[in-house]
Amino acid sequence: MHTVRLRVNDGVYDKLLGLLSKFSKDEVEIISETSDFVKNQNYLSDELNEILDGKARFIEMEEAELRLENIIKKHESSI
Protein backbone atom coordinates (compact mmCIF):
# COMPACT_ATOMS: atom_id res chain seq x y z
CA MET A 1 0.00 0.00 0.00
CA HIS A 2 1.21 3.53 -0.76
CA THR A 3 0.76 6.75 1.18
CA VAL A 4 0.11 10.01 -0.65
CA ARG A 5 0.15 13.42 1.01
CA LEU A 6 -1.85 16.16 -0.70
CA ARG A 7 -2.38 19.85 -0.11
CA VAL A 8 -5.95 20.53 -1.27
CA ASN A 9 -7.69 23.85 -1.90
CA ASP A 10 -10.68 24.44 0.40
CA GLY A 11 -12.95 24.68 -2.64
CA VAL A 12 -12.32 21.09 -3.75
CA TYR A 13 -11.66 19.46 -0.37
CA ASP A 14 -15.25 18.19 0.14
CA LYS A 15 -15.42 16.91 -3.45
CA LEU A 16 -12.15 15.04 -3.06
CA LEU A 17 -13.25 13.47 0.23
CA GLY A 18 -16.55 12.49 -1.42
CA LEU A 19 -14.66 10.76 -4.21
CA LEU A 20 -12.29 8.98 -1.83
CA SER A 21 -15.12 7.85 0.42
CA LYS A 22 -16.51 5.78 -2.47
CA PHE A 23 -13.61 3.34 -2.00
CA SER A 24 -13.65 0.70 0.73
CA LYS A 25 -11.33 1.02 3.74
CA ASP A 26 -9.30 -1.84 2.31
CA GLU A 27 -8.66 0.23 -0.82
CA VAL A 28 -8.25 3.77 0.57
CA GLU A 29 -7.89 4.95 4.14
CA ILE A 30 -8.17 8.67 4.88
CA ILE A 31 -5.63 9.67 7.52
CA SER A 32 -6.28 13.12 8.96
CA GLU A 33 -3.20 15.11 9.87
CA THR A 34 -4.20 16.57 13.21
CA SER A 35 -1.75 18.68 15.19
CA ASP A 36 -1.06 15.62 17.37
CA PHE A 37 -0.32 13.53 14.27
CA VAL A 38 2.15 16.12 12.96
CA LYS A 39 3.75 16.54 16.41
CA ASN A 40 4.20 12.76 16.77
CA GLN A 41 5.51 12.46 13.23
CA ASN A 42 8.12 15.17 13.88
CA TYR A 43 9.13 13.58 17.19
CA LEU A 44 9.59 10.15 15.62
CA SER A 45 11.52 11.63 12.71
CA ASP A 46 13.89 13.36 15.15
CA GLU A 47 14.33 10.12 17.11
CA LEU A 48 15.13 8.19 13.92
CA ASN A 49 17.66 10.83 12.87
CA GLU A 50 19.41 10.52 16.24
CA ILE A 51 19.69 6.78 15.73
CA LEU A 52 20.96 7.13 12.17
CA ASP A 53 23.48 9.82 13.21
CA GLY A 54 24.79 7.61 16.02
CA LYS A 55 23.70 10.13 18.69
CA ALA A 56 20.97 8.00 20.29
CA ARG A 57 21.37 6.72 23.84
CA PHE A 58 20.10 3.19 24.34
CA ILE A 59 19.15 1.64 27.68
CA GLU A 60 18.90 -1.93 28.91
CA MET A 61 15.50 -3.60 29.15
CA GLU A 62 15.65 -3.65 32.96
CA GLU A 63 16.17 0.12 33.10
CA ALA A 64 13.29 0.68 30.67
CA GLU A 65 10.98 -1.47 32.80
CA LEU A 66 12.02 0.39 35.96
CA ARG A 67 11.32 3.75 34.30
CA LEU A 68 7.90 2.56 33.13
CA GLU A 69 7.04 1.24 36.60
CA ASN A 70 7.95 4.61 38.12
CA ILE A 71 5.80 6.46 35.57
CA ILE A 72 2.85 4.15 36.27
CA LYS A 73 3.23 4.58 40.05
CA LYS A 74 3.40 8.36 39.62
CA HIS A 75 0.16 8.41 37.60
CA GLU A 76 -1.61 5.95 39.90
CA SER A 77 -0.95 8.15 42.89
CA SER A 78 -2.43 11.16 41.14
CA ILE A 79 -5.74 9.38 40.41
C-alpha atoms as a PDB file:
ATOM      1  CA  MET A   1       0.000   0.000   0.000  1.00  0.00           C
ATOM      2  CA  HIS A   2       1.215   3.529  -0.756  1.00  0.00           C
ATOM      3  CA  THR A   3       0.755   6.754   1.181  1.00  0.00           C
ATOM      4  CA  VAL A   4       0.111  10.014  -0.646  1.00  0.00           C
ATOM      5  CA  ARG A   5       0.154  13.420   1.011  1.00  0.00           C
ATOM      6  CA  LEU A   6      -1.849  16.156  -0.702  1.00  0.00           C
ATOM      7  CA  ARG A   7      -2.378  19.852  -0.108  1.00  0.00           C
ATOM      8  CA  VAL A   8      -5.947  20.528  -1.269  1.00  0.00           C
ATOM      9  CA  ASN A   9      -7.691  23.847  -1.901  1.00  0.00           C
ATOM     10  CA  ASP A  10     -10.678  24.443   0.400  1.00  0.00           C
ATOM     11  CA  GLY A  11     -12.954  24.679  -2.636  1.00  0.00           C
ATOM     12  CA  VAL A  12     -12.320  21.088  -3.751  1.00  0.00           C
ATOM     13  CA  TYR A  13     -11.664  19.457  -0.368  1.00  0.00           C
ATOM     14  CA  ASP A  14     -15.246  18.193   0.138  1.00  0.00           C
ATOM     15  CA  LYS A  15     -15.422  16.910  -3.447  1.00  0.00           C
ATOM     16  CA  LEU A  16     -12.147  15.040  -3.064  1.00  0.00           C
ATOM     17  CA  LEU A  17     -13.254  13.467   0.225  1.00  0.00           C
ATOM     18  CA  GLY A  18     -16.550  12.489  -1.417  1.00  0.00           C
ATOM     19  CA  LEU A  19     -14.664  10.763  -4.213  1.00  0.00           C
ATOM     20  CA  LEU A  20     -12.287   8.983  -1.834  1.00  0.00           C
ATOM     21  CA  SER A  21     -15.120   7.846   0.422  1.00  0.00           C
ATOM     22  CA  LYS A  22     -16.514   5.780  -2.474  1.00  0.00           C
ATOM     23  CA  PHE A  23     -13.608   3.341  -2.001  1.00  0.00           C
ATOM     24  CA  SER A  24     -13.654   0.699   0.727  1.00  0.00           C
ATOM     25  CA  LYS A  25     -11.332   1.025   3.743  1.00  0.00           C
ATOM     26  CA  ASP A  26      -9.297  -1.845   2.306  1.00  0.00           C
ATOM     27  CA  GLU A  27      -8.664   0.228  -0.823  1.00  0.00           C
ATOM     28  CA  VAL A  28      -8.248   3.772   0.569  1.00  0.00           C
ATOM     29  CA  GLU A  29      -7.887   4.949   4.144  1.00  0.00           C
ATOM     30  CA  ILE A  30      -8.172   8.667   4.880  1.00  0.00           C
ATOM     31  CA  ILE A  31      -5.632   9.674   7.524  1.00  0.00           C
ATOM     32  CA  SER A  32      -6.275  13.118   8.964  1.00  0.00           C
ATOM     33  CA  GLU A  33      -3.199  15.108   9.866  1.00  0.00           C
ATOM     34  CA  THR A  34      -4.196  16.568  13.206  1.00  0.00           C
ATOM     35  CA  SER A  35      -1.752  18.680  15.186  1.00  0.00           C
ATOM     36  CA  ASP A  36      -1.057  15.621  17.369  1.00  0.00           C
ATOM     37  CA  PHE A  37      -0.316  13.533  14.269  1.00  0.00           C
ATOM     38  CA  VAL A  38       2.149  16.123  12.961  1.00  0.00           C
ATOM     39  CA  LYS A  39       3.752  16.536  16.410  1.00  0.00           C
ATOM     40  CA  ASN A  40       4.204  12.764  16.772  1.00  0.00           C
ATOM     41  CA  GLN A  41       5.506  12.465  13.232  1.00  0.00           C
ATOM     42  CA  ASN A  42       8.118  15.174  13.876  1.00  0.00           C
ATOM     43  CA  TYR A  43       9.128  13.582  17.189  1.00  0.00           C
ATOM     44  CA  LEU A  44       9.590  10.154  15.616  1.00  0.00           C
ATOM     45  CA  SER A  45      11.519  11.628  12.707  1.00  0.00           C
ATOM     46  CA  ASP A  46      13.889  13.363  15.148  1.00  0.00           C
ATOM     47  CA  GLU A  47      14.327  10.117  17.107  1.00  0.00           C
ATOM     48  CA  LEU A  48      15.130   8.192  13.918  1.00  0.00           C
ATOM     49  CA  ASN A  49      17.658  10.831  12.867  1.00  0.00           C
ATOM     50  CA  GLU A  50      19.405  10.524  16.245  1.00  0.00           C
ATOM     51  CA  ILE A  51      19.691   6.775  15.729  1.00  0.00           C
ATOM     52  CA  LEU A  52      20.963   7.131  12.170  1.00  0.00           C
ATOM     53  CA  ASP A  53      23.476   9.817  13.212  1.00  0.00           C
ATOM     54  CA  GLY A  54      24.791   7.615  16.020  1.00  0.00           C
ATOM     55  CA  LYS A  55      23.699  10.133  18.689  1.00  0.00           C
ATOM     56  CA  ALA A  56      20.972   8.001  20.287  1.00  0.00           C
ATOM     57  CA  ARG A  57      21.373   6.724  23.835  1.00  0.00           C
ATOM     58  CA  PHE A  58      20.100   3.192  24.344  1.00  0.00           C
ATOM     59  CA  ILE A  59      19.153   1.638  27.681  1.00  0.00           C
ATOM     60  CA  GLU A  60      18.900  -1.932  28.909  1.00  0.00           C
ATOM     61  CA  MET A  61      15.499  -3.601  29.149  1.00  0.00           C
ATOM     62  CA  GLU A  62      15.648  -3.652  32.960  1.00  0.00           C
ATOM     63  CA  GLU A  63      16.172   0.115  33.102  1.00  0.00           C
ATOM     64  CA  ALA A  64      13.293   0.683  30.673  1.00  0.00           C
ATOM     65  CA  GLU A  65      10.983  -1.473  32.799  1.00  0.00           C
ATOM     66  CA  LEU A  66      12.016   0.393  35.958  1.00  0.00           C
ATOM     67  CA  ARG A  67      11.324   3.746  34.301  1.00  0.00           C
ATOM     68  CA  LEU A  68       7.898   2.557  33.133  1.00  0.00           C
ATOM     69  CA  GLU A  69       7.042   1.240  36.595  1.00  0.00           C
ATOM     70  CA  ASN A  70       7.949   4.608  38.124  1.00  0.00           C
ATOM     71  CA  ILE A  71       5.802   6.457  35.567  1.00  0.00           C
ATOM     72  CA  ILE A  72       2.854   4.148  36.265  1.00  0.00           C
ATOM     73  CA  LYS A  73       3.234   4.582  40.047  1.00  0.00           C
ATOM     74  CA  LYS A  74       3.395   8.356  39.624  1.00  0.00           C
ATOM     75  CA  HIS A  75       0.163   8.410  37.603  1.00  0.00           C
ATOM     76  CA  GLU A  76      -1.612   5.951  39.901  1.00  0.00           C
ATOM     77  CA  SER A  77      -0.947   8.147  42.895  1.00  0.00           C
ATOM     78  CA  SER A  78      -2.429  11.163  41.144  1.00  0.00           C
ATOM     79  CA  ILE A  79      -5.737   9.381  40.415  1.00  0.00           C
END
